[in-house]
């Protein structure tokens, strides 16, 4: 769909809701990784798998398989844009929980 045909305030709201979900998932996955005592690549794998499952769930359940109706660049916005901001929260909670458990 053409970006001009989307109402910008709605697209911004959709991005905000997606970002909120991704932030919560990053923190929850960080707690899970720390509580499980994961280290190194196992923790990274948990993050990648967890975020992929979360984003796919959002794609299917919230967007009903038609994200182009809700986002200007759906695949990038749903699957790629959270990586830089999400990693920081994930690592923070992973380290904190790991330190508390060990």
Protein backbone atom coordinates (compact mmCIF):
# COMPACT_ATOMS: atom_id res chain seq x y z
CA UNK A 1 0.00 0.00 0.00
CA UNK A 2 1.14 3.52 -0.69
CA UNK A 3 2.43 5.40 2.37
CA UNK A 4 0.27 8.39 1.43
CA UNK A 5 -2.90 6.35 1.93
CA UNK A 6 -2.10 5.63 5.59
CA UNK A 7 -3.20 8.07 8.28
CA UNK A 8 0.03 9.12 10.03
CA UNK A 9 -1.36 9.43 13.59
CA UNK A 10 -2.67 5.85 13.34
CA UNK A 11 0.65 4.56 12.02
CA UNK A 12 2.47 6.34 14.86
CA UNK A 13 0.09 4.82 17.41
CA UNK A 14 0.63 1.35 15.91
CA UNK A 15 4.40 1.81 16.11
CA UNK A 16 4.08 2.90 19.73
CA UNK A 17 2.04 -0.19 20.63
CA UNK A 18 4.49 -2.47 18.84
CA UNK A 19 7.44 -0.82 20.60
CA UNK A 20 5.77 -1.28 23.97
CA UNK A 21 5.25 -5.00 23.27
CA UNK A 22 8.85 -5.41 22.10
CA UNK A 23 10.23 -3.59 25.15
CA UNK A 24 8.27 -5.82 27.51
CA UNK A 25 9.37 -8.94 25.62
CA UNK A 26 13.03 -7.88 25.74
CA UNK A 27 12.86 -7.42 29.50
CA UNK A 28 10.95 -10.68 30.03
CA UNK A 29 13.40 -12.61 27.86
CA UNK A 30 16.29 -11.06 29.76
CA UNK A 31 14.80 -12.23 33.06
CA UNK A 32 14.27 -15.70 31.59
CA UNK A 33 17.85 -15.91 30.32
CA UNK A 34 19.24 -14.80 33.67
CA UNK A 35 17.01 -17.12 35.68
CA UNK A 36 17.97 -20.05 33.48
CA UNK A 37 21.64 -19.17 33.95
CA UNK A 38 22.26 -18.94 30.22
CA UNK A 39 25.62 -17.68 29.05
CA UNK A 40 27.13 -16.61 25.75
CA UNK A 41 25.47 -17.88 22.57
CA UNK A 42 22.66 -19.65 24.40
CA UNK A 43 21.47 -16.28 25.75
CA UNK A 44 21.75 -14.65 22.34
CA UNK A 45 19.83 -17.55 20.78
CA UNK A 46 17.06 -17.17 23.37
CA UNK A 47 16.78 -13.47 22.51
CA UNK A 48 16.64 -14.07 18.76
CA UNK A 49 14.16 -16.93 18.98
CA UNK A 50 12.00 -15.19 21.58
CA UNK A 51 11.79 -11.93 19.66
CA UNK A 52 11.10 -13.74 16.40
CA UNK A 53 8.24 -15.68 17.98
CA UNK A 54 6.90 -12.52 19.60
CA UNK A 55 7.06 -10.54 16.37
CA UNK A 56 5.47 -13.36 14.37
CA UNK A 57 2.67 -13.54 16.94
CA UNK A 58 2.13 -9.79 16.59
CA UNK A 59 2.15 -10.16 12.79
CA UNK A 60 -0.46 -12.92 12.83
CA UNK A 61 -2.67 -11.95 15.78
CA UNK A 62 -2.64 -8.16 15.82
CA UNK A 63 -2.12 -7.43 12.13
CA UNK A 64 -4.14 -10.44 11.01
CA UNK A 65 -1.48 -11.17 8.38
CA UNK A 66 -1.97 -7.77 6.72
CA UNK A 67 0.59 -5.44 8.34
CA UNK A 68 0.64 -3.16 5.30
CA UNK A 69 -2.70 -1.82 6.53
CA UNK A 70 -1.11 -0.67 9.80
CA UNK A 71 2.53 0.22 9.03
CA UNK A 72 4.31 2.13 6.28
CA UNK A 73 7.21 -0.38 6.05
CA UNK A 74 5.75 -3.40 7.86
CA UNK A 75 8.55 -5.98 7.69
CA UNK A 76 11.24 -3.51 8.68
CA UNK A 77 9.17 -1.95 11.44
CA UNK A 78 8.02 -5.25 12.94
CA UNK A 79 11.11 -7.43 12.58
CA UNK A 80 14.18 -5.17 12.29
CA UNK A 81 13.75 -1.81 14.02
CA UNK A 82 13.64 -3.21 17.58
CA UNK A 83 17.10 -4.82 17.42
CA UNK A 84 19.25 -1.83 18.50
CA UNK A 85 16.94 -0.62 21.26
CA UNK A 86 15.86 -4.06 22.45
CA UNK A 87 19.32 -5.51 22.97
CA UNK A 88 20.20 -2.99 25.68
CA UNK A 89 17.18 -3.81 27.82
CA UNK A 90 17.62 -7.53 27.24
CA UNK A 91 21.27 -7.53 28.28
CA UNK A 92 20.54 -5.34 31.30
CA UNK A 93 17.86 -7.70 32.64
CA UNK A 94 19.89 -10.78 31.68
CA UNK A 95 22.91 -9.58 33.69
CA UNK A 96 20.85 -8.37 36.64
CA UNK A 97 18.85 -11.58 36.95
CA UNK A 98 21.90 -13.76 36.35
CA UNK A 99 23.78 -11.94 39.14
CA UNK A 100 20.85 -12.34 41.53
CA UNK A 101 20.43 -16.04 40.76
CA UNK A 102 24.10 -16.98 40.94
